[in-house]
Protein backbone atom coordinates (compact mmCIF):
# COMPACT_ATOMS: atom_id res chain seq x y z
CA MET A 1 12.67 31.78 15.79
CA LYS A 2 13.24 28.34 14.27
CA LYS A 3 9.96 27.03 15.72
CA ARG A 4 8.10 30.00 14.29
CA PHE A 5 9.64 29.41 10.85
CA VAL A 6 8.63 25.73 10.97
CA ALA A 7 5.08 26.64 12.01
CA ILE A 8 4.78 29.08 9.10
CA ARG A 9 6.18 26.48 6.69
CA TYR A 10 3.68 23.90 7.94
CA ARG A 11 0.78 26.32 7.42
CA LEU A 12 1.91 27.19 3.90
CA GLU A 13 2.33 23.51 2.99
CA ALA A 14 -1.09 22.70 4.43
CA LEU A 15 -2.67 25.60 2.54
CA LEU A 16 -1.15 24.32 -0.70
CA ALA A 17 -2.33 20.77 0.03
CA VAL A 18 -5.88 21.86 0.90
CA SER A 19 -6.03 24.04 -2.22
CA LEU A 20 -4.92 21.14 -4.40
CA VAL A 21 -7.52 18.84 -2.84
CA ARG A 22 -10.24 21.42 -3.42
CA VAL A 23 -9.26 21.72 -7.09
CA LEU A 24 -9.23 17.94 -7.52
CA GLU A 25 -12.61 17.61 -5.82
CA ARG A 26 -14.16 19.88 -8.46
CA LEU A 27 -13.02 17.53 -11.21
CA ARG A 28 -14.53 14.19 -12.12
CA PRO A 29 -12.61 11.25 -10.58
CA ASP A 30 -11.17 10.22 -13.95
CA GLN A 31 -10.13 13.81 -14.72
CA SER A 32 -8.45 14.18 -11.33
CA SER A 33 -6.67 10.86 -11.83
CA THR A 34 -5.44 11.79 -15.29
CA LEU A 35 -4.35 15.30 -14.30
CA LEU A 36 -1.99 14.17 -11.54
CA GLY A 37 -1.03 10.99 -13.36
CA SER A 38 0.10 12.93 -16.43
CA PHE A 39 1.93 15.51 -14.34
CA CYS A 40 3.85 12.90 -12.34
CA ARG A 41 4.60 10.84 -15.45
CA PHE A 42 6.27 13.90 -16.99
CA VAL A 43 8.10 15.24 -13.91
CA GLY A 44 8.89 12.04 -11.99
CA PRO A 45 11.61 10.59 -14.25
CA TYR A 46 13.70 13.75 -13.71
CA LEU A 47 13.65 13.46 -9.92
CA PRO A 48 16.63 11.90 -8.06
CA SER A 49 14.44 9.15 -6.60
CA SER A 50 13.99 7.73 -10.10
CA ARG A 51 17.55 6.46 -9.81
CA ILE A 52 16.32 4.19 -7.02
CA VAL A 53 13.62 2.81 -9.30
CA LEU A 54 16.16 2.08 -12.01
CA ARG A 55 18.54 0.40 -9.58
CA ASN A 56 15.74 -1.69 -8.10
CA LEU A 57 14.77 -2.83 -11.58
CA GLU A 58 18.38 -3.75 -12.34
CA LEU A 59 18.50 -5.84 -9.17
CA ALA A 60 15.08 -7.45 -9.45
CA MET A 61 14.57 -7.85 -13.19
CA PRO A 62 18.00 -7.80 -14.89
CA GLU A 63 16.49 -9.26 -18.05
CA LEU A 64 14.90 -5.88 -18.87
CA ASP A 65 16.68 -3.59 -21.31
CA ALA A 66 17.12 0.16 -20.80
CA ALA A 67 14.02 1.07 -22.81
CA ALA A 68 11.82 -1.29 -20.78
CA ARG A 69 13.17 0.09 -17.51
CA ALA A 70 12.49 3.65 -18.68
CA ARG A 71 8.89 2.74 -19.54
CA ILE A 72 8.40 1.25 -16.09
CA VAL A 73 9.83 4.37 -14.42
CA ARG A 74 7.28 6.52 -16.24
CA GLY A 75 4.52 4.07 -15.35
CA VAL A 76 5.48 4.03 -11.67
CA TRP A 77 5.24 7.81 -11.47
CA GLU A 78 1.97 7.87 -13.40
CA ASN A 79 0.44 5.28 -11.07
CA LEU A 80 1.54 7.25 -8.02
CA GLY A 81 0.07 10.45 -9.47
CA ARG A 82 -3.20 8.72 -10.27
CA THR A 83 -3.35 7.27 -6.76
CA LEU A 84 -2.98 10.74 -5.26
CA GLY A 85 -5.46 12.24 -7.73
CA GLU A 86 -8.05 9.61 -6.88
CA LEU A 87 -7.73 9.95 -3.10
CA PRO A 88 -10.29 12.78 -2.73
CA HIS A 89 -12.79 10.73 -4.77
CA LEU A 90 -12.57 7.27 -3.19
CA ALA A 91 -15.71 7.79 -1.14
CA SER A 92 -17.74 8.49 -4.30
CA LEU A 93 -16.57 5.51 -6.36
CA GLU A 94 -19.36 3.00 -6.84
CA GLU A 95 -19.04 -0.74 -7.23
CA ASN A 96 -19.78 -2.57 -10.48
CA THR A 97 -20.43 0.48 -12.61
CA PRO A 98 -20.71 -0.47 -16.32
CA ALA A 99 -17.94 1.93 -17.39
CA GLY A 100 -15.94 4.92 -16.23
CA PRO A 101 -14.92 5.58 -12.63
CA GLY A 102 -15.75 2.84 -10.15
CA PHE A 103 -14.46 -0.42 -8.76
CA GLU A 104 -15.14 -4.12 -8.74
CA VAL A 105 -14.14 -6.89 -6.35
CA GLN A 106 -12.81 -10.19 -7.58
CA GLY A 107 -12.91 -12.86 -4.87
CA ALA A 108 -15.69 -11.23 -2.84
CA GLU A 109 -16.68 -14.69 -1.61
CA TYR A 110 -13.62 -14.76 0.66
CA LEU A 111 -14.76 -11.51 2.28
CA ALA A 112 -18.27 -12.89 2.77
CA GLN A 113 -16.80 -15.96 4.46
CA GLN A 114 -14.82 -13.83 6.89
CA ALA A 115 -17.79 -11.55 7.63
CA ALA A 116 -19.83 -14.64 8.54
CA ARG A 117 -16.98 -16.27 10.48
CA GLY A 118 -16.04 -13.28 12.64
CA GLY A 119 -12.91 -13.12 14.73
CA PRO A 120 -9.45 -11.80 13.88
CA VAL A 121 -8.19 -11.75 10.31
CA LEU A 122 -5.12 -10.24 8.66
CA PHE A 123 -5.21 -8.72 5.19
CA VAL A 124 -1.86 -8.49 3.43
CA SER A 125 -0.94 -6.42 0.39
CA GLY A 126 1.64 -4.03 -1.02
CA HIS A 127 1.86 -0.60 -2.64
CA ILE A 128 0.35 -1.87 -5.89
CA GLY A 129 -2.17 -0.05 -8.09
CA ASN A 130 -4.25 2.28 -5.93
CA TRP A 131 -3.58 0.65 -2.57
CA GLU A 132 -5.63 3.38 -0.86
CA MET A 133 -8.78 1.78 -2.26
CA LEU A 134 -8.29 -1.52 -0.42
CA PRO A 135 -9.70 -0.49 2.99
CA PRO A 136 -12.89 1.24 1.75
CA ALA A 137 -13.64 -1.44 -0.86
CA VAL A 138 -13.25 -4.28 1.63
CA ALA A 139 -15.27 -2.36 4.23
CA ARG A 140 -18.23 -2.19 1.86
CA HIS A 141 -18.27 -6.00 1.93
CA GLY A 142 -18.74 -6.14 5.68
CA THR A 143 -15.10 -6.63 6.66
CA PRO A 144 -13.63 -3.22 7.58
CA PHE A 145 -10.08 -3.46 8.84
CA ALA A 146 -7.67 -1.28 10.75
CA SER A 147 -4.43 -0.21 9.07
CA PHE A 148 -0.94 1.02 9.76
CA TYR A 149 0.06 4.38 8.35
CA ARG A 150 3.20 6.50 8.21
CA ALA A 151 2.38 9.95 9.51
CA ALA A 152 3.26 12.86 7.24
CA GLY A 153 6.05 15.08 8.55
CA ASN A 154 3.70 18.06 8.55
CA PRO A 155 0.98 17.40 11.18
CA LEU A 156 -1.49 19.67 9.37
CA VAL A 157 -1.05 17.75 6.12
CA ASP A 158 -1.27 14.50 8.10
CA THR A 159 -4.66 15.57 9.49
CA LEU A 160 -5.86 16.28 5.94
CA LEU A 161 -4.74 12.87 4.69
CA ARG A 162 -6.36 11.07 7.60
CA SER A 163 -9.62 12.93 7.03
CA LEU A 164 -9.63 11.84 3.37
CA ARG A 165 -9.02 8.23 4.37
CA ASN A 166 -11.75 8.33 7.01
CA ARG A 167 -14.15 9.85 4.50
CA ALA A 168 -13.40 7.03 2.06
CA MET A 169 -14.13 4.52 4.83
CA GLY A 170 -17.36 6.31 5.71
CA SER A 171 -16.40 6.12 9.37
CA ASN A 172 -13.99 7.46 11.97
CA ASP A 173 -14.32 4.32 14.08
CA VAL A 174 -11.82 2.08 12.26
CA PRO A 175 -8.40 2.54 13.89
CA LEU A 176 -5.33 3.81 12.08
CA PHE A 177 -2.14 2.74 13.85
CA ALA A 178 0.94 4.91 13.42
CA LYS A 179 4.06 2.95 12.46
CA GLY A 180 6.36 2.43 15.43
CA ALA A 181 6.46 0.56 18.72
CA LYS A 182 3.35 2.22 20.17
CA GLY A 183 1.30 1.53 17.04
CA ALA A 184 2.52 -2.07 16.95
CA ARG A 185 1.36 -2.64 20.52
CA GLY A 186 -2.01 -1.14 19.72
CA ALA A 187 -2.40 -3.30 16.61
CA LEU A 188 -1.47 -6.45 18.52
CA ALA A 189 -4.06 -5.69 21.18
CA TYR A 190 -6.63 -4.98 18.48
CA VAL A 191 -6.05 -8.31 16.74
CA SER A 192 -5.99 -10.24 20.03
CA GLY A 193 -9.42 -8.79 20.76
CA GLY A 194 -10.81 -10.15 17.48
CA GLY A 195 -10.12 -7.16 15.22
CA ARG A 196 -9.22 -7.19 11.54
CA LEU A 197 -5.94 -5.62 10.46
CA GLY A 198 -4.51 -4.81 7.04
CA MET A 199 -0.77 -4.49 6.41
CA LEU A 200 1.36 -3.40 3.45
CA VAL A 201 4.51 -5.48 3.85
CA ASP A 202 6.54 -4.74 0.73
CA GLN A 203 9.14 -2.36 2.20
CA LYS A 204 12.48 -3.15 3.79
CA MET A 205 12.67 -3.45 7.57
CA ASN A 206 16.25 -3.33 8.85
CA ASP A 207 15.46 -5.13 12.09
CA GLY A 208 13.25 -7.74 10.41
CA ILE A 209 14.21 -11.24 9.34
CA GLU A 210 15.99 -12.22 6.16
CA ALA A 211 13.94 -13.64 3.30
CA THR A 212 14.28 -13.56 -0.46
CA PHE A 213 12.50 -11.16 -2.78
CA PHE A 214 13.06 -11.37 -6.53
CA GLY A 215 15.75 -13.95 -5.76
CA ARG A 216 17.77 -11.64 -3.51
CA PRO A 217 18.05 -11.71 0.28
CA THR A 218 16.41 -8.77 2.01
CA MET A 219 15.30 -7.88 5.50
CA THR A 220 11.55 -8.31 5.80
CA ALA A 221 9.01 -7.33 8.45
CA PRO A 222 7.86 -10.42 10.38
CA ALA A 223 5.01 -8.84 12.39
CA LEU A 224 2.16 -10.06 10.18
CA ALA A 225 3.48 -13.63 10.13
CA ALA A 226 4.09 -13.58 13.89
CA MET A 227 0.52 -12.42 14.61
CA ALA A 228 -1.00 -14.93 12.21
CA LEU A 229 0.87 -17.83 13.78
CA ARG A 230 0.22 -16.65 17.32
CA TYR A 231 -3.54 -16.39 16.88
CA ARG A 232 -3.88 -18.92 14.01
CA CYS A 233 -6.06 -16.40 12.20
CA PRO A 234 -6.66 -16.25 8.44
CA VAL A 235 -4.23 -14.30 6.27
CA ILE A 236 -5.99 -12.99 3.17
CA PRO A 237 -3.79 -11.67 0.34
CA GLY A 238 -5.05 -9.10 -2.12
CA TYR A 239 -4.05 -6.17 -4.29
CA VAL A 240 -5.52 -3.47 -6.52
CA GLU A 241 -5.36 -3.66 -10.29
CA ARG A 242 -5.78 -0.44 -12.24
CA LEU A 243 -8.21 -0.85 -15.15
CA GLY A 244 -8.33 2.81 -16.18
CA PRO A 245 -8.56 6.34 -14.75
CA ALA A 246 -10.27 5.94 -11.35
CA ARG A 247 -11.44 2.47 -12.40
CA LEU A 248 -10.06 -0.25 -10.16
CA ARG A 249 -10.30 -3.98 -9.55
CA ILE A 250 -9.71 -5.25 -6.03
CA VAL A 251 -8.38 -8.80 -6.28
CA VAL A 252 -8.98 -10.84 -3.12
CA GLU A 253 -7.35 -14.25 -2.96
CA ALA A 254 -8.02 -17.32 -0.83
CA PRO A 255 -6.54 -17.32 2.68
CA LEU A 256 -2.99 -18.59 2.88
CA GLU A 257 -2.40 -22.03 4.34
CA LEU A 258 -0.49 -21.33 7.54
CA PRO A 259 2.58 -23.52 8.10
CA ASP A 260 2.54 -25.82 11.10
CA THR A 261 5.82 -27.74 11.25
CA GLY A 262 6.05 -27.81 15.03
CA ASP A 263 9.01 -25.40 14.88
CA LYS A 264 7.85 -21.82 15.54
CA LYS A 265 10.96 -20.23 14.05
CA GLN A 266 10.67 -22.29 10.89
CA ASP A 267 6.95 -21.54 10.59
CA LEU A 268 7.70 -17.82 10.85
CA GLN A 269 10.35 -18.04 8.14
CA LEU A 270 8.08 -20.04 5.86
CA LEU A 271 5.15 -17.64 6.18
CA VAL A 272 7.29 -14.53 5.64
CA GLN A 273 8.71 -16.12 2.49
CA MET A 274 5.25 -17.16 1.33
CA VAL A 275 4.08 -13.53 1.53
CA ASN A 276 7.17 -12.23 -0.28
CA ASP A 277 6.62 -14.77 -3.07
CA ARG A 278 3.00 -13.68 -3.44
CA LEU A 279 3.98 -10.02 -3.63
CA GLU A 280 6.61 -10.78 -6.26
CA SER A 281 4.10 -12.68 -8.39
CA TRP A 282 1.73 -9.70 -8.38
CA ILE A 283 4.49 -7.22 -9.23
CA ARG A 284 5.78 -9.30 -12.11
CA GLN A 285 2.32 -9.20 -13.71
CA ASN A 286 2.62 -5.42 -14.08
CA PRO A 287 5.88 -3.91 -12.77
CA SER A 288 4.67 -0.34 -13.42
CA ALA A 289 1.94 -0.80 -10.82
CA TRP A 290 4.34 -1.20 -7.89
CA LEU A 291 5.97 1.64 -5.96
CA TRP A 292 9.66 0.94 -6.64
CA LEU A 293 10.78 4.14 -4.90
CA HIS A 294 12.24 2.54 -1.77
CA ARG A 295 15.61 0.85 -1.32
CA ARG A 296 14.30 -2.68 -0.86
CA TRP A 297 17.61 -4.54 -0.71
CA ALA A 298 20.90 -4.19 1.21
CA LYS A 299 22.21 -0.63 1.29
CA GLU A 300 25.56 -1.75 -0.17
CA LEU A 301 23.78 -2.38 -3.47
CA TYR A 302 22.88 1.32 -3.75
CA ARG A 303 26.14 2.98 -2.74
CA ALA A 304 27.34 3.41 -6.31
CA GLN A 305 24.41 5.79 -6.91
CA LYS A 306 25.51 8.34 -4.32
């Protein structure tokens, strides 16, 4: 009986998700972006998870007053809504349009260098701006990369999301690795064989290594740093800047200089910290653009909220 109830719930959720996507597809990209962005900006601050955003801001940027934190909370939800509203339209966004929906790439020369060089490369970013646009935009410059993803709890909804991402990429051939031990092994094999891999590394990992983020110690995923040091492959940082409704700038930066102290453990620590520092610098430019919805620091710092 329970399994039947779950199956019915999954179908109803999937029907709702498909219906929403169909409605959004009938709108222009900027209209779809604004519709969900406005909805989430209004509703989001009333949700319990907004308390996590506020606490994160208190921990990371204590210099902000209450009004500034409230503005960022609204901005975080608006950005998330816009990101979801733009997902069905990513495949149709054109590069270097004079105005309106579209995208541009700043630092495209670094992508051209990697396309000519060949071999493994790691792209590193965070949940900033419309992070979903990173893979398709980079792919159009000859450097498509595989990604990790967290599967949706509803397998039918997960299939829908994966189809939208594949459509944006224009291909089903670029791997998507599910988070977890099996996906990690697959990603490692992919990189060792010369593949390109993109990773969003801005969330807490309890079994990671300790590094600082906004001046506070936090457990951080070391996988990207470990792969980069093992294969001595380029690590290219980048993020997405939102310029307007469905108008995005992909900022690609020069490859990081990999540490080489002769001490593998120290090199790993240095590279993990280097990535955290880069993420922090991007977030500080526009705090509303980052997804502050996760408990990034030690759980003890959040207990007072329960």
